[in-house]
Amino acid sequence: MEWNELNMEEGIKKKKEQEEEKGEEKSVEDLENELKKLQQKINASTGIAKRKLAKKIENNSKISEHKSVNLSTNMISLSETEIKKEDERGTQIKKLWEIYKWADNHEKFPWMYFIPDKKSSGDNWKENFEAWKNDWVKFTIDWARVYIFHILDMYEIVKEKPYIFLNEREKAINIIFKNLVDMKRGKNKLAQWIGKDKNKIRIYWRSLDEWANLLYEWAINGGGDIFTLIDLKKAGEEIPGFDTLPDEDIREIINILVRQKKARWIDKQLIRVKILVKGL
């Protein structure tokens, strides 16, 4: 608006100078009338601009309010989903500690944190050792399942409750790991060593066959039919833990489905697969 006013004033000034040069002198009254007309034009122009600006601000406010409402709704929805997942996980964790009371209270069950030996257990040390070992193996499988760990590292697990309370921690965890590797559920292994140092295991709290069945059900019930590795990771939204499976396990899961004629490879190296519906 200041720019318009300056332009108009400059115009009047020029016009006045031109008129003075031509010898056309105007009376004070004529000049005052011209000034009034000029002020009216400026006011009118300012009023239009103000109305346009007000309208623009109002429209922007409505758009902003609409976006805020949508964003707020999405945040509430996301929050409710996250709360539901956390509640379910919280229930599983609570149940874990209820089942294994000794794991939740090392002070009340101190004998569970010492490896039974001949000196402390006498004639029954073998039975005590087997019972101790089996309880820790069962707990470790359920603990890994509830907290969704596929790989257990001896030097990391020693920092976690209840393993941190074990006497001779590394020796005790090595015994637990070794027994997990030696055990089977049916024809399937419960665990296997990773690397030559034998301080890390891949634990199978769910077999690859079970993962394959869950993936297939998820896919045919709306998950889709052609998947890349990134697409397959989305299954983790409905199949907890699938998104954190090692890539080599996902390849083997697909191989299982291929052997069952429920899938075919499009690109095995990059992990791209087509899920097949039976009979089609």
Protein backbone atom coordinates (compact mmCIF):
# COMPACT_ATOMS: atom_id res chain seq x y z
CA MET A 1 0.00 0.00 0.00
CA GLU A 2 2.88 2.40 0.82
CA TRP A 3 4.27 1.77 -2.66
CA ASN A 4 0.88 2.71 -4.27
CA GLU A 5 0.65 5.85 -2.19
CA LEU A 6 4.18 6.90 -3.13
CA ASN A 7 3.45 6.28 -6.82
CA MET A 8 0.28 8.37 -6.70
CA GLU A 9 1.98 11.18 -4.80
CA GLU A 10 4.85 11.08 -7.27
CA GLY A 11 2.32 11.29 -10.10
CA ILE A 12 0.66 14.35 -8.61
CA LYS A 13 4.01 15.98 -8.02
CA LYS A 14 5.01 15.40 -11.66
CA LYS A 15 1.67 16.65 -12.91
CA LYS A 16 1.99 19.77 -10.77
CA GLU A 17 5.49 20.44 -12.06
CA GLN A 18 4.30 19.99 -15.65
CA GLU A 19 1.43 22.35 -15.07
CA GLU A 20 3.72 24.90 -13.45
CA GLU A 21 6.06 24.63 -16.42
CA LYS A 22 3.15 25.31 -18.77
CA GLY A 23 2.11 28.23 -16.62
CA GLU A 24 -1.16 26.62 -15.67
CA GLU A 25 -1.52 27.53 -12.02
CA LYS A 26 -4.26 25.90 -9.91
CA SER A 27 -5.97 27.32 -6.89
CA VAL A 28 -5.46 25.89 -3.40
CA GLU A 29 -9.09 24.70 -3.50
CA ASP A 30 -8.50 22.72 -6.72
CA LEU A 31 -5.43 21.11 -5.24
CA GLU A 32 -7.29 20.17 -2.05
CA ASN A 33 -10.07 18.55 -4.12
CA GLU A 34 -7.55 16.54 -6.08
CA LEU A 35 -5.88 15.46 -2.86
CA LYS A 36 -9.25 14.29 -1.45
CA LYS A 37 -9.98 12.26 -4.58
CA LEU A 38 -6.52 10.74 -4.38
CA GLN A 39 -7.04 9.82 -0.72
CA GLN A 40 -10.39 8.18 -1.57
CA LYS A 41 -8.71 6.04 -4.22
CA ILE A 42 -5.98 5.05 -1.78
CA ASN A 43 -8.56 4.15 0.88
CA ALA A 44 -10.61 2.12 -1.60
CA SER A 45 -7.51 0.30 -2.82
CA THR A 46 -6.42 -0.37 0.77
CA GLY A 47 -9.88 -1.69 1.70
CA ILE A 48 -9.90 -4.18 -1.20
CA ALA A 49 -6.42 -5.36 -0.35
CA LYS A 50 -7.36 -5.76 3.32
CA ARG A 51 -10.47 -7.79 2.44
CA LYS A 52 -8.44 -10.05 0.11
CA LEU A 53 -5.77 -10.53 2.76
CA ALA A 54 -8.38 -11.33 5.44
CA LYS A 55 -10.04 -13.86 3.11
CA LYS A 56 -6.69 -15.53 2.36
CA ILE A 57 -5.83 -15.76 6.08
CA GLU A 58 -9.26 -17.27 6.80
CA ASN A 59 -8.86 -19.90 4.05
CA ASN A 60 -5.36 -20.80 5.21
CA SER A 61 -6.62 -21.15 8.78
CA LYS A 62 -9.35 -23.57 7.65
CA ILE A 63 -6.83 -25.66 5.67
CA SER A 64 -4.47 -25.67 8.66
CA GLU A 65 -7.28 -26.65 11.01
CA HIS A 66 -8.35 -29.48 8.67
CA LYS A 67 -4.79 -30.80 8.45
CA SER A 68 -4.41 -30.58 12.21
CA VAL A 69 -7.61 -32.57 12.77
CA ASN A 70 -6.46 -35.28 10.34
CA LEU A 71 -3.01 -35.41 11.88
CA SER A 72 -4.48 -35.57 15.36
CA THR A 73 -6.85 -38.38 14.30
CA ASN A 74 -3.98 -40.36 12.80
CA MET A 75 -1.89 -39.88 15.90
CA ILE A 76 -4.72 -41.10 18.13
CA SER A 77 -5.28 -44.11 15.88
CA LEU A 78 -1.57 -44.95 15.82
CA SER A 79 -1.34 -44.49 19.55
CA GLU A 80 -4.24 -46.88 20.17
CA THR A 81 -2.62 -49.52 17.93
CA GLU A 82 0.71 -49.15 19.68
CA ILE A 83 -0.97 -49.30 23.08
CA LYS A 84 -2.77 -52.50 22.08
CA LYS A 85 0.49 -54.13 20.96
CA GLU A 86 2.25 -53.03 24.13
CA ASP A 87 -0.64 -54.37 26.23
CA GLU A 88 -0.44 -57.76 24.52
CA ARG A 89 3.31 -57.88 24.96
CA GLY A 90 2.98 -56.73 28.55
CA THR A 91 0.55 -59.57 29.24
CA GLN A 92 2.99 -62.12 27.79
CA ILE A 93 5.88 -60.72 29.82
CA LYS A 94 3.80 -60.79 33.00
CA LYS A 95 2.81 -64.40 32.31
CA LEU A 96 6.46 -65.35 31.71
CA TRP A 97 7.52 -64.14 35.15
CA GLU A 98 4.46 -65.73 36.77
CA ILE A 99 5.29 -69.15 35.29
CA TYR A 100 9.00 -68.91 36.13
CA LYS A 101 8.80 -67.40 39.60
CA TRP A 102 12.42 -68.33 40.29
CA ALA A 103 13.50 -66.18 37.33
CA ASP A 104 11.75 -63.15 38.77
CA ASN A 105 13.22 -63.46 42.25
CA HIS A 106 16.82 -64.62 42.50
CA GLU A 107 16.96 -63.88 46.22
CA LYS A 108 14.07 -66.22 47.04
CA PHE A 109 15.38 -69.02 44.77
CA PRO A 110 19.18 -68.75 45.12
CA TRP A 111 19.84 -72.42 44.24
CA MET A 112 18.64 -71.77 40.66
CA TYR A 113 21.64 -69.46 40.15
CA PHE A 114 24.35 -71.98 41.07
CA ILE A 115 25.35 -74.89 38.83
CA PRO A 116 24.67 -78.08 40.86
CA ASP A 117 27.81 -80.09 41.54
CA LYS A 118 28.80 -83.20 43.55
CA LYS A 119 30.06 -81.19 46.48
CA SER A 120 26.84 -79.23 47.03
CA SER A 121 24.28 -81.81 45.85
CA GLY A 122 25.76 -85.11 47.05
CA ASP A 123 24.32 -88.31 45.59
CA ASN A 124 21.49 -86.45 43.83
CA TRP A 125 23.68 -84.02 41.94
CA LYS A 126 22.99 -85.57 38.52
CA GLU A 127 19.21 -85.33 38.99
CA ASN A 128 19.58 -81.79 40.35
CA PHE A 129 21.84 -80.82 37.48
CA GLU A 130 19.38 -82.18 34.86
CA ALA A 131 16.45 -80.40 36.51
CA TRP A 132 18.42 -77.14 36.77
CA LYS A 133 19.55 -77.40 33.14
CA ASN A 134 16.07 -78.22 31.79
CA ASP A 135 14.42 -75.37 33.71
CA TRP A 136 16.90 -72.88 32.28
CA VAL A 137 16.52 -74.28 28.76
CA LYS A 138 12.71 -74.00 28.91
CA PHE A 139 12.89 -70.50 30.35
CA THR A 140 15.38 -69.37 27.68
CA ILE A 141 13.09 -70.56 24.87
CA ASP A 142 10.08 -68.74 26.33
CA TRP A 143 12.15 -65.67 27.22
CA ALA A 144 13.45 -65.40 23.63
CA ARG A 145 9.92 -65.88 22.25
CA VAL A 146 8.31 -63.23 24.48
CA TYR A 147 11.05 -60.66 23.86
CA ILE A 148 11.35 -61.73 20.19
CA PHE A 149 15.04 -62.67 20.09
CA HIS A 150 16.16 -64.92 17.23
CA ILE A 151 19.86 -64.75 18.01
CA LEU A 152 21.33 -65.00 21.50
CA ASP A 153 24.83 -63.75 22.18
CA MET A 154 26.46 -65.08 25.36
CA TYR A 155 28.21 -61.76 26.05
CA GLU A 156 24.98 -59.81 25.68
CA ILE A 157 22.65 -62.17 27.52
CA VAL A 158 24.84 -62.06 30.65
CA LYS A 159 23.71 -58.44 31.09
CA GLU A 160 20.00 -59.37 31.09
CA LYS A 161 17.74 -60.40 33.94
CA PRO A 162 17.80 -63.16 35.25
CA TYR A 163 21.08 -64.28 33.61
CA ILE A 164 22.98 -61.46 35.27
CA PHE A 165 22.42 -63.14 38.66
CA LEU A 166 23.96 -66.47 37.64
CA ASN A 167 27.05 -67.62 39.46
CA GLU A 168 29.81 -68.48 36.95
CA ARG A 169 27.70 -66.78 34.29
CA GLU A 170 29.67 -67.68 31.16
CA LYS A 171 30.00 -71.32 32.19
CA ALA A 172 26.28 -71.54 33.06
CA ILE A 173 25.15 -69.89 29.81
CA ASN A 174 27.46 -72.13 27.80
CA ILE A 175 25.77 -75.17 29.39
CA ILE A 176 22.32 -73.75 28.54
CA PHE A 177 23.32 -72.94 24.94
CA LYS A 178 24.91 -76.36 24.39
CA ASN A 179 21.76 -78.14 25.57
CA LEU A 180 19.57 -75.95 23.36
CA VAL A 181 21.72 -76.92 20.36
CA ASP A 182 21.54 -80.63 21.27
CA MET A 183 17.76 -80.68 21.75
CA LYS A 184 15.05 -81.14 19.12
CA ARG A 185 11.33 -80.53 18.88
CA GLY A 186 10.23 -83.41 16.70
CA LYS A 187 12.56 -83.34 13.70
CA ASN A 188 13.41 -79.67 14.15
CA LYS A 189 16.39 -78.31 16.05
CA LEU A 190 15.79 -75.87 18.90
CA ALA A 191 19.01 -73.99 18.20
CA GLN A 192 22.28 -74.03 16.29
CA TRP A 193 25.66 -72.43 16.79
CA ILE A 194 26.61 -69.30 14.86
CA GLY A 195 30.31 -69.09 14.08
CA LYS A 196 33.25 -71.18 15.26
CA ASP A 197 33.64 -69.51 18.66
CA LYS A 198 30.37 -71.04 19.91
CA ASN A 199 29.31 -68.01 21.92
CA LYS A 200 26.23 -67.22 19.86
CA ILE A 201 23.19 -69.29 18.83
CA ARG A 202 20.21 -68.98 16.50
CA ILE A 203 17.26 -70.08 18.66
CA TYR A 204 14.14 -71.52 17.01
CA TRP A 205 11.28 -70.81 19.41
CA ARG A 206 9.19 -71.23 16.25
CA SER A 207 10.31 -73.64 13.55
CA LEU A 208 10.86 -72.47 9.97
CA ASP A 209 7.97 -74.73 8.90
CA GLU A 210 5.70 -72.86 11.31
CA TRP A 211 6.95 -69.51 10.00
CA ALA A 212 6.26 -70.72 6.43
CA ASN A 213 2.67 -71.64 7.30
CA LEU A 214 2.07 -68.29 9.00
CA LEU A 215 3.54 -66.37 6.04
CA TYR A 216 1.39 -68.27 3.54
CA GLU A 217 -1.80 -67.67 5.56
CA TRP A 218 -0.95 -63.98 5.86
CA ALA A 219 -0.30 -63.68 2.10
CA ILE A 220 -3.47 -65.42 0.86
CA ASN A 221 -5.61 -63.53 3.37
CA GLY A 222 -4.79 -60.15 1.92
CA GLY A 223 -1.04 -59.74 2.25
CA GLY A 224 -0.51 -60.00 -1.51
CA ASP A 225 1.04 -62.40 -4.01
CA ILE A 226 4.34 -60.91 -5.22
CA PHE A 227 6.87 -59.86 -2.60
CA THR A 228 10.32 -58.33 -2.29
CA LEU A 229 12.27 -58.67 0.95
CA ILE A 230 10.94 -55.27 2.08
CA ASP A 231 7.36 -56.40 1.39
CA LEU A 232 7.90 -59.61 3.34
CA LYS A 233 9.12 -57.66 6.35
CA LYS A 234 5.67 -56.03 6.50
CA ALA A 235 4.28 -59.38 7.59
CA GLY A 236 5.79 -58.49 10.97
CA GLU A 237 2.85 -56.14 11.55
CA GLU A 238 0.59 -59.19 11.91
CA ILE A 239 3.15 -61.94 12.59
CA PRO A 240 5.29 -60.62 15.47
CA GLY A 241 8.95 -61.40 14.94
CA PHE A 242 8.82 -62.10 11.21
CA ASP A 243 10.31 -58.71 10.34
CA THR A 244 13.39 -59.41 12.49
CA LEU A 245 14.15 -62.87 11.08
CA PRO A 246 17.62 -63.22 9.51
CA ASP A 247 17.52 -62.94 5.69
CA GLU A 248 18.89 -66.48 5.27
CA ASP A 249 15.96 -67.80 7.31
CA ILE A 250 13.49 -65.94 5.11
CA ARG A 251 15.09 -67.57 2.05
CA GLU A 252 14.70 -71.00 3.64
CA ILE A 253 11.07 -70.23 4.60
CA ILE A 254 10.36 -69.42 0.95
CA ASN A 255 12.19 -72.59 -0.11
CA ILE A 256 9.81 -74.54 2.14
CA LEU A 257 6.81 -72.91 0.42
CA VAL A 258 8.36 -73.59 -3.01
CA ARG A 259 8.77 -77.28 -2.13
CA GLN A 260 5.14 -77.31 -1.00
CA LYS A 261 4.17 -75.71 -4.35
CA LYS A 262 2.78 -72.71 -2.50
CA ALA A 263 5.30 -70.29 -4.00
CA ARG A 264 7.85 -69.86 -6.78
CA TRP A 265 11.03 -67.83 -6.91
CA ILE A 266 11.19 -64.78 -9.19
CA ASP A 267 14.67 -63.78 -7.97
CA LYS A 268 16.28 -65.91 -5.28
CA GLN A 269 19.36 -63.72 -4.81
CA LEU A 270 17.43 -60.46 -4.28
CA ILE A 271 14.54 -62.31 -2.57
CA ARG A 272 11.57 -61.74 -4.85
CA VAL A 273 8.83 -64.35 -4.74
CA LYS A 274 5.32 -65.09 -5.97
CA ILE A 275 2.88 -66.79 -3.58
CA LEU A 276 0.67 -69.34 -5.34
CA VAL A 277 -2.93 -70.06 -4.41
CA LYS A 278 -3.68 -73.78 -4.45
CA GLY A 279 -5.56 -74.92 -7.51
CA LEU A 280 -4.59 -71.85 -9.58
